[in-house]
Full PDB file with SEQRES, HELIX, SHEET, SSBOND, CRYST1, ORIGX, SCALE, CONECT and MASTER records, all heavy atoms in Angstrom:
SEQRES   1 A   38  ASP LEU TRP GLU LYS THR VAL SER GLN TRP TRP ALA SER          
SEQRES   2 A   38  SER VAL PHE VAL PHE THR PHE GLU THR GLU THR PRO GLN          
SEQRES   3 A   38  ALA GLN VAL HIS ALA ARG THR PHE ALA PRO ALA PHE              
HELIX    1 AA1 LEU A    2  THR A    6  1                                   5    
SHEET    1 AA1 2 VAL A  15  THR A  19  0                                        
SHEET    2 AA1 2 HIS A  30  PHE A  34 -1                                        
CRYST1    1.000    1.000    1.000  90.00  90.00  90.00 P 1           1          
ORIGX1      1.000000  0.000000  0.000000        0.00000                         
ORIGX2      0.000000  1.000000  0.000000        0.00000                         
ORIGX3      0.000000  0.000000  1.000000        0.00000                         
SCALE1      1.000000  0.000000  0.000000        0.00000                         
SCALE2      0.000000  1.000000  0.000000        0.00000                         
SCALE3      0.000000  0.000000  1.000000        0.00000                         
ATOM      1  N   ASP A   1     168.385   9.492  -7.317  1.00  0.00           N  
ATOM      2  CA  ASP A   1     169.229   8.452  -7.898  1.00  0.00           C  
ATOM      3  C   ASP A   1     169.583   8.754  -9.345  1.00  0.00           C  
ATOM      4  O   ASP A   1     170.740   8.582  -9.774  1.00  0.00           O  
ATOM      5  CB  ASP A   1     168.534   7.092  -7.785  1.00  0.00           C  
ATOM      6  CG  ASP A   1     167.159   7.064  -8.450  1.00  0.00           C  
ATOM      7  OD1 ASP A   1     166.503   8.125  -8.538  1.00  0.00           O  
ATOM      8  OD2 ASP A   1     166.732   5.967  -8.887  1.00  0.00           O  
ATOM      9  N   LEU A   2     168.599   9.261 -10.108  1.00  0.00           N  
ATOM     10  CA  LEU A   2     168.863   9.571 -11.517  1.00  0.00           C  
ATOM     11  C   LEU A   2     169.615  10.885 -11.667  1.00  0.00           C  
ATOM     12  O   LEU A   2     170.395  11.048 -12.609  1.00  0.00           O  
ATOM     13  CB  LEU A   2     167.549   9.606 -12.301  1.00  0.00           C  
ATOM     14  CG  LEU A   2     166.814   8.261 -12.389  1.00  0.00           C  
ATOM     15  CD1 LEU A   2     165.563   8.397 -13.251  1.00  0.00           C  
ATOM     16  CD2 LEU A   2     167.732   7.174 -12.942  1.00  0.00           C  
ATOM     17  N   TRP A   3     169.395  11.850 -10.752  1.00  0.00           N  
ATOM     18  CA  TRP A   3     170.197  13.080 -10.777  1.00  0.00           C  
ATOM     19  C   TRP A   3     171.663  12.739 -10.557  1.00  0.00           C  
ATOM     20  O   TRP A   3     172.550  13.253 -11.253  1.00  0.00           O  
ATOM     21  CB  TRP A   3     169.704  14.045  -9.697  1.00  0.00           C  
ATOM     22  CG  TRP A   3     170.589  15.247  -9.545  1.00  0.00           C  
ATOM     23  CD1 TRP A   3     170.554  16.393 -10.292  1.00  0.00           C  
ATOM     24  CD2 TRP A   3     171.658  15.418  -8.598  1.00  0.00           C  
ATOM     25  NE1 TRP A   3     171.544  17.267  -9.878  1.00  0.00           N  
ATOM     26  CE2 TRP A   3     172.233  16.691  -8.836  1.00  0.00           C  
ATOM     27  CE3 TRP A   3     172.184  14.614  -7.587  1.00  0.00           C  
ATOM     28  CZ2 TRP A   3     173.309  17.173  -8.087  1.00  0.00           C  
ATOM     29  CZ3 TRP A   3     173.255  15.090  -6.841  1.00  0.00           C  
ATOM     30  CH2 TRP A   3     173.802  16.358  -7.098  1.00  0.00           C  
ATOM     31  N   GLU A   4     171.922  11.865  -9.589  1.00  0.00           N  
ATOM     32  CA  GLU A   4     173.299  11.444  -9.291  1.00  0.00           C  
ATOM     33  C   GLU A   4     173.942  10.817 -10.521  1.00  0.00           C  
ATOM     34  O   GLU A   4     175.106  11.098 -10.839  1.00  0.00           O  
ATOM     35  CB  GLU A   4     173.286  10.447  -8.134  1.00  0.00           C  
ATOM     36  CG  GLU A   4     174.656  10.038  -7.634  1.00  0.00           C  
ATOM     37  CD  GLU A   4     175.348  11.117  -6.830  1.00  0.00           C  
ATOM     38  OE1 GLU A   4     174.654  11.877  -6.136  1.00  0.00           O  
ATOM     39  OE2 GLU A   4     176.593  11.207  -6.918  1.00  0.00           O  
ATOM     40  N   LYS A   5     173.182  10.012 -11.220  1.00  0.00           N  
ATOM     41  CA  LYS A   5     173.705   9.298 -12.385  1.00  0.00           C  
ATOM     42  C   LYS A   5     173.837  10.194 -13.611  1.00  0.00           C  
ATOM     43  O   LYS A   5     174.765  10.036 -14.416  1.00  0.00           O  
ATOM     44  CB  LYS A   5     172.769   8.122 -12.693  1.00  0.00           C  
ATOM     45  CG  LYS A   5     173.153   7.297 -13.913  1.00  0.00           C  
ATOM     46  CD  LYS A   5     172.139   6.195 -14.137  1.00  0.00           C  
ATOM     47  CE  LYS A   5     172.468   5.385 -15.385  1.00  0.00           C  
ATOM     48  NZ  LYS A   5     171.472   4.300 -15.629  1.00  0.00           N  
ATOM     49  N   THR A   6     172.930  11.163 -13.753  1.00  0.00           N  
ATOM     50  CA  THR A   6     172.821  11.914 -15.009  1.00  0.00           C  
ATOM     51  C   THR A   6     173.625  13.205 -15.030  1.00  0.00           C  
ATOM     52  O   THR A   6     174.354  13.478 -16.003  1.00  0.00           O  
ATOM     53  CB  THR A   6     171.339  12.230 -15.313  1.00  0.00           C  
ATOM     54  OG1 THR A   6     170.586  11.021 -15.260  1.00  0.00           O  
ATOM     55  CG2 THR A   6     171.183  12.861 -16.684  1.00  0.00           C  
ATOM     56  N   VAL A   7     173.500  14.046 -13.997  1.00  0.00           N  
ATOM     57  CA  VAL A   7     174.133  15.368 -14.074  1.00  0.00           C  
ATOM     58  C   VAL A   7     174.951  15.768 -12.847  1.00  0.00           C  
ATOM     59  O   VAL A   7     175.540  16.847 -12.840  1.00  0.00           O  
ATOM     60  CB  VAL A   7     173.077  16.481 -14.332  1.00  0.00           C  
ATOM     61  CG1 VAL A   7     172.365  16.270 -15.651  1.00  0.00           C  
ATOM     62  CG2 VAL A   7     172.097  16.593 -13.184  1.00  0.00           C  
ATOM     63  N   SER A   8     175.020  14.934 -11.812  1.00  0.00           N  
ATOM     64  CA  SER A   8     175.725  15.354 -10.592  1.00  0.00           C  
ATOM     65  C   SER A   8     177.192  15.687 -10.859  1.00  0.00           C  
ATOM     66  O   SER A   8     177.761  16.572 -10.216  1.00  0.00           O  
ATOM     67  CB  SER A   8     175.614  14.287  -9.502  1.00  0.00           C  
ATOM     68  OG  SER A   8     176.309  13.107  -9.878  1.00  0.00           O  
ATOM     69  N   GLN A   9     177.813  15.003 -11.800  1.00  0.00           N  
ATOM     70  CA  GLN A   9     179.221  15.248 -12.134  1.00  0.00           C  
ATOM     71  C   GLN A   9     179.382  15.939 -13.487  1.00  0.00           C  
ATOM     72  O   GLN A   9     180.503  16.061 -13.986  1.00  0.00           O  
ATOM     73  CB  GLN A   9     179.993  13.910 -12.133  1.00  0.00           C  
ATOM     74  CG  GLN A   9     179.927  13.144 -10.831  1.00  0.00           C  
ATOM     75  CD  GLN A   9     180.463  13.943  -9.661  1.00  0.00           C  
ATOM     76  OE1 GLN A   9     181.519  14.570  -9.755  1.00  0.00           O  
ATOM     77  NE2 GLN A   9     179.734  13.927  -8.542  1.00  0.00           N  
ATOM     78  N   TRP A  10     178.270  16.379 -14.057  1.00  0.00           N  
ATOM     79  CA  TRP A  10     178.319  17.016 -15.373  1.00  0.00           C  
ATOM     80  C   TRP A  10     178.607  18.507 -15.222  1.00  0.00           C  
ATOM     81  O   TRP A  10     178.690  19.041 -14.115  1.00  0.00           O  
ATOM     82  CB  TRP A  10     176.983  16.777 -16.099  1.00  0.00           C  
ATOM     83  CG  TRP A  10     176.977  17.217 -17.529  1.00  0.00           C  
ATOM     84  CD1 TRP A  10     177.752  16.733 -18.543  1.00  0.00           C  
ATOM     85  CD2 TRP A  10     176.166  18.244 -18.096  1.00  0.00           C  
ATOM     86  NE1 TRP A  10     177.470  17.400 -19.707  1.00  0.00           N  
ATOM     87  CE2 TRP A  10     176.502  18.332 -19.464  1.00  0.00           C  
ATOM     88  CE3 TRP A  10     175.194  19.099 -17.577  1.00  0.00           C  
ATOM     89  CZ2 TRP A  10     175.901  19.244 -20.330  1.00  0.00           C  
ATOM     90  CZ3 TRP A  10     174.586  20.001 -18.433  1.00  0.00           C  
ATOM     91  CH2 TRP A  10     174.940  20.073 -19.793  1.00  0.00           C  
ATOM     92  N   TRP A  11     178.753  19.218 -16.341  1.00  0.00           N  
ATOM     93  CA  TRP A  11     179.128  20.636 -16.348  1.00  0.00           C  
ATOM     94  C   TRP A  11     178.168  21.478 -15.531  1.00  0.00           C  
ATOM     95  O   TRP A  11     178.574  22.420 -14.843  1.00  0.00           O  
ATOM     96  CB  TRP A  11     179.176  21.121 -17.796  1.00  0.00           C  
ATOM     97  CG  TRP A  11     179.729  22.491 -18.000  1.00  0.00           C  
ATOM     98  CD1 TRP A  11     181.046  22.862 -17.964  1.00  0.00           C  
ATOM     99  CD2 TRP A  11     178.979  23.678 -18.289  1.00  0.00           C  
ATOM    100  NE1 TRP A  11     181.165  24.203 -18.220  1.00  0.00           N  
ATOM    101  CE2 TRP A  11     179.915  24.736 -18.429  1.00  0.00           C  
ATOM    102  CE3 TRP A  11     177.622  23.953 -18.455  1.00  0.00           C  
ATOM    103  CZ2 TRP A  11     179.527  26.037 -18.713  1.00  0.00           C  
ATOM    104  CZ3 TRP A  11     177.235  25.243 -18.748  1.00  0.00           C  
ATOM    105  CH2 TRP A  11     178.180  26.274 -18.870  1.00  0.00           C  
ATOM    106  N   ALA A  12     176.875  21.183 -15.579  1.00  0.00           N  
ATOM    107  CA  ALA A  12     175.859  21.918 -14.821  1.00  0.00           C  
ATOM    108  C   ALA A  12     175.030  20.916 -14.027  1.00  0.00           C  
ATOM    109  O   ALA A  12     174.310  20.106 -14.612  1.00  0.00           O  
ATOM    110  CB  ALA A  12     174.966  22.723 -15.754  1.00  0.00           C  
ATOM    111  N   SER A  13     175.117  20.983 -12.713  1.00  0.00           N  
ATOM    112  CA  SER A  13     174.362  20.037 -11.878  1.00  0.00           C  
ATOM    113  C   SER A  13     173.035  20.617 -11.393  1.00  0.00           C  
ATOM    114  O   SER A  13     172.189  19.893 -10.879  1.00  0.00           O  
ATOM    115  CB  SER A  13     175.202  19.619 -10.670  1.00  0.00           C  
ATOM    116  OG  SER A  13     175.503  20.740  -9.844  1.00  0.00           O  
ATOM    117  N   SER A  14     172.849  21.940 -11.547  1.00  0.00           N  
ATOM    118  CA  SER A  14     171.587  22.575 -11.158  1.00  0.00           C  
ATOM    119  C   SER A  14     170.656  22.620 -12.364  1.00  0.00           C  
ATOM    120  O   SER A  14     171.091  22.909 -13.488  1.00  0.00           O  
ATOM    121  CB  SER A  14     171.840  23.993 -10.634  1.00  0.00           C  
ATOM    122  OG  SER A  14     172.664  23.959  -9.484  1.00  0.00           O  
ATOM    123  N   VAL A  15     169.375  22.342 -12.132  1.00  0.00           N  
ATOM    124  CA  VAL A  15     168.412  22.185 -13.230  1.00  0.00           C  
ATOM    125  C   VAL A  15     167.335  23.262 -13.143  1.00  0.00           C  
ATOM    126  O   VAL A  15     166.687  23.428 -12.105  1.00  0.00           O  
ATOM    127  CB  VAL A  15     167.770  20.789 -13.196  1.00  0.00           C  
ATOM    128  CG1 VAL A  15     166.873  20.585 -14.412  1.00  0.00           C  
ATOM    129  CG2 VAL A  15     168.847  19.699 -13.128  1.00  0.00           C  
ATOM    130  N   PHE A  16     167.149  23.991 -14.231  1.00  0.00           N  
ATOM    131  CA  PHE A  16     166.148  25.044 -14.353  1.00  0.00           C  
ATOM    132  C   PHE A  16     165.104  24.559 -15.346  1.00  0.00           C  
ATOM    133  O   PHE A  16     165.361  24.483 -16.547  1.00  0.00           O  
ATOM    134  CB  PHE A  16     166.828  26.332 -14.830  1.00  0.00           C  
ATOM    135  CG  PHE A  16     165.952  27.552 -14.878  1.00  0.00           C  
ATOM    136  CD1 PHE A  16     165.958  28.460 -13.837  1.00  0.00           C  
ATOM    137  CD2 PHE A  16     165.156  27.821 -15.989  1.00  0.00           C  
ATOM    138  CE1 PHE A  16     165.183  29.624 -13.891  1.00  0.00           C  
ATOM    139  CE2 PHE A  16     164.372  28.970 -16.053  1.00  0.00           C  
ATOM    140  CZ  PHE A  16     164.390  29.869 -14.990  1.00  0.00           C  
ATOM    141  N   VAL A  17     163.937  24.185 -14.848  1.00  0.00           N  
ATOM    142  CA  VAL A  17     162.846  23.693 -15.691  1.00  0.00           C  
ATOM    143  C   VAL A  17     161.905  24.859 -15.957  1.00  0.00           C  
ATOM    144  O   VAL A  17     161.537  25.589 -15.033  1.00  0.00           O  
ATOM    145  CB  VAL A  17     162.085  22.549 -15.005  1.00  0.00           C  
ATOM    146  CG1 VAL A  17     161.074  21.935 -15.957  1.00  0.00           C  
ATOM    147  CG2 VAL A  17     163.051  21.488 -14.505  1.00  0.00           C  
ATOM    148  N   PHE A  18     161.516  25.058 -17.217  1.00  0.00           N  
ATOM    149  CA  PHE A  18     160.668  26.214 -17.505  1.00  0.00           C  
ATOM    150  C   PHE A  18     159.678  25.910 -18.621  1.00  0.00           C  
ATOM    151  O   PHE A  18     159.842  24.986 -19.414  1.00  0.00           O  
ATOM    152  CB  PHE A  18     161.511  27.440 -17.857  1.00  0.00           C  
ATOM    153  CG  PHE A  18     162.225  27.359 -19.187  1.00  0.00           C  
ATOM    154  CD1 PHE A  18     161.697  27.980 -20.310  1.00  0.00           C  
ATOM    155  CD2 PHE A  18     163.435  26.684 -19.315  1.00  0.00           C  
ATOM    156  CE1 PHE A  18     162.342  27.916 -21.539  1.00  0.00           C  
ATOM    157  CE2 PHE A  18     164.093  26.620 -20.524  1.00  0.00           C  
ATOM    158  CZ  PHE A  18     163.548  27.244 -21.642  1.00  0.00           C  
ATOM    159  N   THR A  19     158.633  26.732 -18.647  1.00  0.00           N  
ATOM    160  CA  THR A  19     157.629  26.671 -19.698  1.00  0.00           C  
ATOM    161  C   THR A  19     157.232  28.089 -20.087  1.00  0.00           C  
ATOM    162  O   THR A  19     157.392  29.023 -19.282  1.00  0.00           O  
ATOM    163  CB  THR A  19     156.385  25.881 -19.232  1.00  0.00           C  
ATOM    164  OG1 THR A  19     155.389  25.914 -20.266  1.00  0.00           O  
ATOM    165  CG2 THR A  19     155.780  26.481 -17.974  1.00  0.00           C  
ATOM    166  N   PHE A  20     156.745  28.235 -21.302  1.00  0.00           N  
ATOM    167  CA  PHE A  20     156.278  29.544 -21.757  1.00  0.00           C  
ATOM    168  C   PHE A  20     154.801  29.753 -21.437  1.00  0.00           C  
ATOM    169  O   PHE A  20     154.241  30.793 -21.781  1.00  0.00           O  
ATOM    170  CB  PHE A  20     156.543  29.711 -23.253  1.00  0.00           C  
ATOM    171  CG  PHE A  20     158.009  29.709 -23.599  1.00  0.00           C  
ATOM    172  CD1 PHE A  20     158.571  28.652 -24.296  1.00  0.00           C  
ATOM    173  CD2 PHE A  20     158.819  30.749 -23.201  1.00  0.00           C  
ATOM    174  CE1 PHE A  20     159.924  28.642 -24.607  1.00  0.00           C  
ATOM    175  CE2 PHE A  20     160.187  30.751 -23.502  1.00  0.00           C  
ATOM    176  CZ  PHE A  20     160.735  29.694 -24.204  1.00  0.00           C  
ATOM    177  N   GLU A  21     154.175  28.785 -20.795  1.00  0.00           N  
ATOM    178  CA  GLU A  21     152.798  28.939 -20.319  1.00  0.00           C  
ATOM    179  C   GLU A  21     152.865  29.476 -18.892  1.00  0.00           C  
ATOM    180  O   GLU A  21     153.379  28.811 -17.998  1.00  0.00           O  
ATOM    181  CB  GLU A  21     152.070  27.601 -20.351  1.00  0.00           C  
ATOM    182  CG  GLU A  21     150.614  27.697 -19.934  1.00  0.00           C  
ATOM    183  CD  GLU A  21     149.910  26.353 -19.979  1.00  0.00           C  
ATOM    184  OE1 GLU A  21     149.679  25.849 -21.098  1.00  0.00           O  
ATOM    185  OE2 GLU A  21     149.612  25.799 -18.901  1.00  0.00           O  
ATOM    186  N   THR A  22     152.366  30.676 -18.670  1.00  0.00           N  
ATOM    187  CA  THR A  22     152.545  31.345 -17.383  1.00  0.00           C  
ATOM    188  C   THR A  22     151.243  31.476 -16.610  1.00  0.00           C  
ATOM    189  O   THR A  22     150.157  31.346 -17.156  1.00  0.00           O  
ATOM    190  CB  THR A  22     153.154  32.745 -17.591  1.00  0.00           C  
ATOM    191  OG1 THR A  22     152.250  33.536 -18.374  1.00  0.00           O  
ATOM    192  CG2 THR A  22     154.499  32.653 -18.300  1.00  0.00           C  
ATOM    193  N   GLU A  23     151.392  31.762 -15.327  1.00  0.00           N  
ATOM    194  CA  GLU A  23     150.226  31.945 -14.460  1.00  0.00           C  
ATOM    195  C   GLU A  23     149.767  33.395 -14.444  1.00  0.00           C  
ATOM    196  O   GLU A  23     148.583  33.679 -14.346  1.00  0.00           O  
ATOM    197  CB  GLU A  23     150.566  31.487 -13.040  1.00  0.00           C  
ATOM    198  CG  GLU A  23     149.395  31.540 -12.075  1.00  0.00           C  
ATOM    199  CD  GLU A  23     149.643  30.773 -10.793  1.00  0.00           C  
ATOM    200  OE1 GLU A  23     150.401  29.786 -10.834  1.00  0.00           O  
ATOM    201  OE2 GLU A  23     149.070  31.160  -9.756  1.00  0.00           O  
ATOM    202  N   THR A  24     150.717  34.344 -14.519  1.00  0.00           N  
ATOM    203  CA  THR A  24     150.382  35.763 -14.508  1.00  0.00           C  
ATOM    204  C   THR A  24     150.479  36.318 -15.926  1.00  0.00           C  
ATOM    205  O   THR A  24     151.377  35.928 -16.687  1.00  0.00           O  
ATOM    206  CB  THR A  24     151.322  36.544 -13.571  1.00  0.00           C  
ATOM    207  OG1 THR A  24     152.684  36.383 -14.023  1.00  0.00           O  
ATOM    208  CG2 THR A  24     151.220  36.026 -12.146  1.00  0.00           C  
ATOM    209  N   PRO A  25     149.596  37.238 -16.315  1.00  0.00           N  
ATOM    210  CA  PRO A  25     149.589  37.718 -17.702  1.00  0.00           C  
ATOM    211  C   PRO A  25     150.822  38.521 -18.082  1.00  0.00           C  
ATOM    212  O   PRO A  25     151.173  38.585 -19.258  1.00  0.00           O  
ATOM    213  CB  PRO A  25     148.325  38.593 -17.761  1.00  0.00           C  
ATOM    214  CG  PRO A  25     148.041  38.973 -16.343  1.00  0.00           C  
ATOM    215  CD  PRO A  25     148.500  37.822 -15.510  1.00  0.00           C  
ATOM    216  N   GLN A  26     151.507  39.112 -17.097  1.00  0.00           N  
ATOM    217  CA  GLN A  26     152.664  39.941 -17.431  1.00  0.00           C  
ATOM    218  C   GLN A  26     153.947  39.135 -17.625  1.00  0.00           C  
ATOM    219  O   GLN A  26     154.940  39.657 -18.133  1.00  0.00           O  
ATOM    220  CB  GLN A  26     152.900  41.016 -16.355  1.00  0.00           C  
ATOM    221  CG  GLN A  26     153.321  40.487 -14.989  1.00  0.00           C  
ATOM    222  CD  GLN A  26     152.149  40.242 -14.067  1.00  0.00           C  
ATOM    223  OE1 GLN A  26     151.053  39.902 -14.527  1.00  0.00           O  
ATOM    224  NE2 GLN A  26     152.355  40.419 -12.785  1.00  0.00           N  
ATOM    225  N   ALA A  27     153.946  37.861 -17.230  1.00  0.00           N  
ATOM    226  CA  ALA A  27     155.154  37.036 -17.335  1.00  0.00           C  
ATOM    227  C   ALA A  27     155.210  36.318 -18.676  1.00  0.00           C  
ATOM    228  O   ALA A  27     154.188  36.068 -19.318  1.00  0.00           O  
ATOM    229  CB  ALA A  27     155.202  36.031 -16.190  1.00  0.00           C  
ATOM    230  N   GLN A  28     156.430  35.982 -19.085  1.00  0.00           N  
ATOM    231  CA  GLN A  28     156.642  35.210 -20.315  1.00  0.00           C  
ATOM    232  C   GLN A  28     157.220  33.824 -20.040  1.00  0.00           C  
ATOM    233  O   GLN A  28     157.189  32.953 -20.904  1.00  0.00           O  
ATOM    234  CB  GLN A  28     157.596  35.961 -21.260  1.00  0.00           C  
ATOM    235  CG  GLN A  28     157.037  37.220 -21.867  1.00  0.00           C  
ATOM    236  CD  GLN A  28     157.044  38.373 -20.866  1.00  0.00           C  
ATOM    237  OE1 GLN A  28     158.034  38.596 -20.164  1.00  0.00           O  
ATOM    238  NE2 GLN A  28     155.950  39.115 -20.805  1.00  0.00           N  
ATOM    239  N   VAL A  29     157.770  33.635 -18.834  1.00  0.00           N  
ATOM    240  CA  VAL A  29     158.420  32.370 -18.487  1.00  0.00           C  
ATOM    241  C   VAL A  29     157.962  31.951 -17.091  1.00  0.00           C  
ATOM    242  O   VAL A  29     157.935  32.775 -16.170  1.00  0.00           O  
ATOM    243  CB  VAL A  29     159.963  32.493 -18.509  1.00  0.00           C  
ATOM    244  CG1 VAL A  29     160.620  31.193 -18.061  1.00  0.00           C  
ATOM    245  CG2 VAL A  29     160.450  32.884 -19.897  1.00  0.00           C  
ATOM    246  N   HIS A  30     157.616  30.678 -16.934  1.00  0.00           N  
ATOM    247  CA  HIS A  30     157.274  30.100 -15.631  1.00  0.00           C  
ATOM    248  C   HIS A  30     158.339  29.049 -15.334  1.00  0.00           C  
ATOM    249  O   HIS A  30     158.604  28.174 -16.167  1.00  0.00           O  
ATOM    250  CB  HIS A  30     155.888  29.460 -15.683  1.00  0.00           C  
ATOM    251  CG  HIS A  30     155.430  28.923 -14.368  1.00  0.00           C  
ATOM    252  ND1 HIS A  30     154.611  29.627 -13.512  1.00  0.00           N  
ATOM    253  CD2 HIS A  30     155.676  27.731 -13.749  1.00  0.00           C  
ATOM    254  CE1 HIS A  30     154.363  28.901 -12.431  1.00  0.00           C  
ATOM    255  NE2 HIS A  30     155.003  27.744 -12.553  1.00  0.00           N  
ATOM    256  N   ALA A  31     158.965  29.104 -14.150  1.00  0.00           N  
ATOM    257  CA  ALA A  31     160.154  28.292 -13.921  1.00  0.00           C  
ATOM    258  C   ALA A  31     160.200  27.675 -12.534  1.00  0.00           C  
ATOM    259  O   ALA A  31     159.552  28.140 -11.592  1.00  0.00           O  
ATOM    260  CB  ALA A  31     161.403  29.147 -14.136  1.00  0.00           C  
ATOM    261  N   ARG A  32     160.998  26.611 -12.440  1.00  0.00           N  
ATOM    262  CA  ARG A  32     161.365  25.998 -11.169  1.00  0.00           C  
ATOM    263  C   ARG A  32     162.849  25.664 -11.226  1.00  0.00           C  
ATOM    264  O   ARG A  32     163.367  25.295 -12.291  1.00  0.00           O  
ATOM    265  CB  ARG A  32     160.559  24.720 -10.909  1.00  0.00           C  
ATOM    266  CG  ARG A  32     159.066  24.934 -10.849  1.00  0.00           C  
ATOM    267  CD  ARG A  32     158.312  23.616 -10.646  1.00  0.00           C  
ATOM    268  NE  ARG A  32     158.537  23.070  -9.290  1.00  0.00           N  
ATOM    269  CZ  ARG A  32     158.051  21.903  -8.879  1.00  0.00           C  
ATOM    270  NH1 ARG A  32     157.327  21.158  -9.714  1.00  0.00           N  
ATOM    271  NH2 ARG A  32     158.275  21.482  -7.653  1.00  0.00           N  
ATOM    272  N   THR A  33     163.546  25.794 -10.095  1.00  0.00           N  
ATOM    273  CA  THR A  33     164.976  25.496 -10.032  1.00  0.00           C  
ATOM    274  C   THR A  33     165.238  24.446  -8.964  1.00  0.00           C  
ATOM    275  O   THR A  33     164.790  24.579  -7.822  1.00  0.00           O  
ATOM    276  CB  THR A  33     165.800  26.753  -9.715  1.00  0.00           C  
ATOM    277  OG1 THR A  33     165.630  27.714 -10.756  1.00  0.00           O  
ATOM    278  CG2 THR A  33     167.287  26.421  -9.619  1.00  0.00           C  
ATOM    279  N   PHE A  34     166.007  23.421  -9.351  1.00  0.00           N  
ATOM    280  CA  PHE A  34     166.420  22.361  -8.433  1.00  0.00           C  
ATOM    281  C   PHE A  34     167.950  22.336  -8.383  1.00  0.00           C  
ATOM    282  O   PHE A  34     168.594  22.242  -9.433  1.00  0.00           O  
ATOM    283  CB  PHE A  34     165.894  21.006  -8.900  1.00  0.00           C  
ATOM    284  CG  PHE A  34     164.402  20.981  -9.147  1.00  0.00           C  
ATOM    285  CD1 PHE A  34     163.896  21.056 -10.433  1.00  0.00           C  
ATOM    286  CD2 PHE A  34     163.510  20.887  -8.093  1.00  0.00           C  
ATOM    287  CE1 PHE A  34     162.522  21.021 -10.677  1.00  0.00           C  
ATOM    288  CE2 PHE A  34     162.136  20.861  -8.319  1.00  0.00           C  
ATOM    289  CZ  PHE A  34     161.642  20.930  -9.601  1.00  0.00           C  
ATOM    290  N   ALA A  35     168.515  22.407  -7.184  1.00  0.00           N  
ATOM    291  CA  ALA A  35     169.977  22.456  -7.047  1.00  0.00           C  
ATOM    292  C   ALA A  35     170.445  21.546  -5.918  1.00  0.00           C  
ATOM    293  O   ALA A  35     170.921  22.007  -4.879  1.00  0.00           O  
ATOM    294  CB  ALA A  35     170.434  23.895  -6.812  1.00  0.00           C  
ATOM    295  N   PRO A  36     170.326  20.231  -6.097  1.00  0.00           N  
ATOM    296  CA  PRO A  36     170.707  19.298  -5.030  1.00  0.00           C  
ATOM    297  C   PRO A  36     172.167  19.416  -4.599  1.00  0.00           C  
ATOM    298  O   PRO A  36     172.483  19.191  -3.426  1.00  0.00           O  
ATOM    299  CB  PRO A  36     170.437  17.924  -5.664  1.00  0.00           C  
ATOM    300  CG  PRO A  36     169.436  18.177  -6.744  1.00  0.00           C  
ATOM    301  CD  PRO A  36     169.761  19.540  -7.266  1.00  0.00           C  
ATOM    302  N   ALA A  37     173.072  19.760  -5.524  1.00  0.00           N  
ATOM    303  CA  ALA A  37     174.485  19.850  -5.168  1.00  0.00           C  
ATOM    304  C   ALA A  37     174.753  20.950  -4.145  1.00  0.00           C  
ATOM    305  O   ALA A  37     175.747  20.899  -3.421  1.00  0.00           O  
ATOM    306  CB  ALA A  37     175.328  20.095  -6.425  1.00  0.00           C  
ATOM    307  N   PHE A  38     173.868  21.940  -4.081  1.00  0.00           N  
ATOM    308  CA  PHE A  38     173.990  23.027  -3.117  1.00  0.00           C  
ATOM    309  C   PHE A  38     173.090  22.812  -1.897  1.00  0.00           C  
ATOM    310  O   PHE A  38     172.919  23.710  -1.084  1.00  0.00           O  
ATOM    311  CB  PHE A  38     173.647  24.362  -3.781  1.00  0.00           C  
ATOM    312  CG  PHE A  38     174.598  24.765  -4.870  1.00  0.00           C  
ATOM    313  CD1 PHE A  38     174.300  24.502  -6.196  1.00  0.00           C  
ATOM    314  CD2 PHE A  38     175.809  25.382  -4.578  1.00  0.00           C  
ATOM    315  CE1 PHE A  38     175.178  24.862  -7.211  1.00  0.00           C  
ATOM    316  CE2 PHE A  38     176.691  25.739  -5.584  1.00  0.00           C  
ATOM    317  CZ  PHE A  38     176.385  25.480  -6.898  1.00  0.00           C  
TER     318      PHE A  38                                                      
MASTER        0    0    0    1    2    0    0    6  317    1    0    3          
END                                                                             
């Protein structure tokens, strides 16, 4: 409901959430991607 209201019609509807705290020592970025429009 909030995705529809906030970004569904905005320039970028897909959301990439990330943190610099990683699970593996060789990585620098830990991420998740949500793309309801697709």
